[in-house]
Amino acid sequence: MTHRHAPSTADVSAARPDALLSTKLYVPRPRPQLLSRRRLIERLDECVESELTLVSAPAGFGKTTLLAEWSHRSGRAGV
């Protein structure tokens, strides 16, 4: 029996060089069942004039979701 494995990121990138990059440049739409994190949105609003704002948390803690919601609410296309 032969087992097939999902292609690695390197395989996908070699097949289509812009595939991985495009996922990093796309701002996902907020989901309807989204639990809004108002306190964190307010903190991001306070940092708009800063040269650099770092959002740091382990994988799966909602960084992308938070930034997508903030981008959508603030009308910013992406930062």
Protein backbone atom coordinates (compact mmCIF):
# COMPACT_ATOMS: atom_id res chain seq x y z
CA MET A 1 0.00 0.00 0.00
CA THR A 2 1.39 3.40 -0.97
CA HIS A 3 0.66 6.39 1.26
CA ARG A 4 0.41 9.83 -0.24
CA HIS A 5 1.43 12.87 1.70
CA ALA A 6 0.16 16.39 1.27
CA PRO A 7 2.58 18.51 -0.73
CA SER A 8 4.98 20.55 1.37
CA THR A 9 5.09 24.33 1.26
CA ALA A 10 8.27 24.04 -0.80
CA ASP A 11 6.48 21.83 -3.37
CA VAL A 12 3.59 24.31 -3.63
CA SER A 13 5.99 27.26 -3.85
CA ALA A 14 8.00 25.56 -6.59
CA ALA A 15 4.87 24.78 -8.58
CA ARG A 16 3.50 28.30 -8.23
CA PRO A 17 5.98 30.78 -6.74
CA ASP A 18 3.34 33.40 -5.89
CA ALA A 19 0.99 30.93 -4.12
CA LEU A 20 2.52 31.26 -0.66
CA LEU A 21 3.14 34.98 -0.96
CA SER A 22 -0.45 35.69 -1.98
CA THR A 23 -1.74 34.09 1.25
CA LYS A 24 0.42 36.50 3.24
CA LEU A 25 -0.86 39.60 1.41
CA TYR A 26 -4.58 38.82 1.54
CA VAL A 27 -6.73 40.27 4.35
CA PRO A 28 -9.51 37.78 5.12
CA ARG A 29 -13.08 39.00 5.59
CA PRO A 30 -14.40 38.91 9.17
CA ARG A 31 -16.60 35.90 9.87
CA PRO A 32 -20.24 36.39 10.89
CA GLN A 33 -19.79 34.31 14.07
CA LEU A 34 -16.77 36.40 15.09
CA LEU A 35 -16.28 37.13 18.77
CA SER A 36 -15.21 40.75 18.72
CA ARG A 37 -12.26 41.65 20.93
CA ARG A 38 -13.08 45.31 21.56
CA ARG A 39 -10.30 45.94 24.08
CA LEU A 40 -7.66 44.75 21.61
CA ILE A 41 -9.27 46.71 18.75
CA GLU A 42 -9.07 49.83 20.94
CA ARG A 43 -5.40 49.13 21.67
CA LEU A 44 -4.69 48.84 17.94
CA ASP A 45 -6.53 52.14 17.34
CA GLU A 46 -4.22 53.79 19.88
CA CYS A 47 -1.18 52.57 17.94
CA VAL A 48 -2.13 53.97 14.53
CA GLU A 49 0.44 56.77 14.70
CA SER A 50 3.23 54.47 15.93
CA GLU A 51 6.03 53.53 13.58
CA LEU A 52 5.76 49.89 14.55
CA THR A 53 3.14 47.82 16.36
CA LEU A 54 3.93 44.22 17.22
CA VAL A 55 1.10 41.71 17.65
CA SER A 56 2.57 38.60 19.23
CA ALA A 57 0.86 35.41 20.39
CA PRO A 58 1.24 31.67 19.80
CA ALA A 59 -0.21 30.03 16.71
CA GLY A 60 -3.98 29.75 16.76
CA PHE A 61 -4.61 32.60 19.20
CA GLY A 62 -6.39 34.82 16.63
CA LYS A 63 -3.79 37.33 15.46
CA THR A 64 -4.93 37.23 11.84
CA THR A 65 -8.60 37.34 12.86
CA LEU A 66 -7.97 40.32 15.14
CA LEU A 67 -6.05 42.27 12.50
CA ALA A 68 -8.63 41.44 9.80
CA GLU A 69 -11.44 42.73 12.03
CA TRP A 70 -9.46 45.85 12.91
CA SER A 71 -8.65 46.49 9.25
CA HIS A 72 -12.31 46.06 8.26
CA ARG A 73 -13.64 48.31 11.07
CA SER A 74 -11.07 51.04 10.56
CA GLY A 75 -11.40 51.07 6.78
CA ARG A 76 -7.70 50.36 6.34
CA ALA A 77 -6.93 48.10 3.40
CA GLY A 78 -4.02 46.48 5.18
CA VAL A 79 -0.92 47.54 6.98
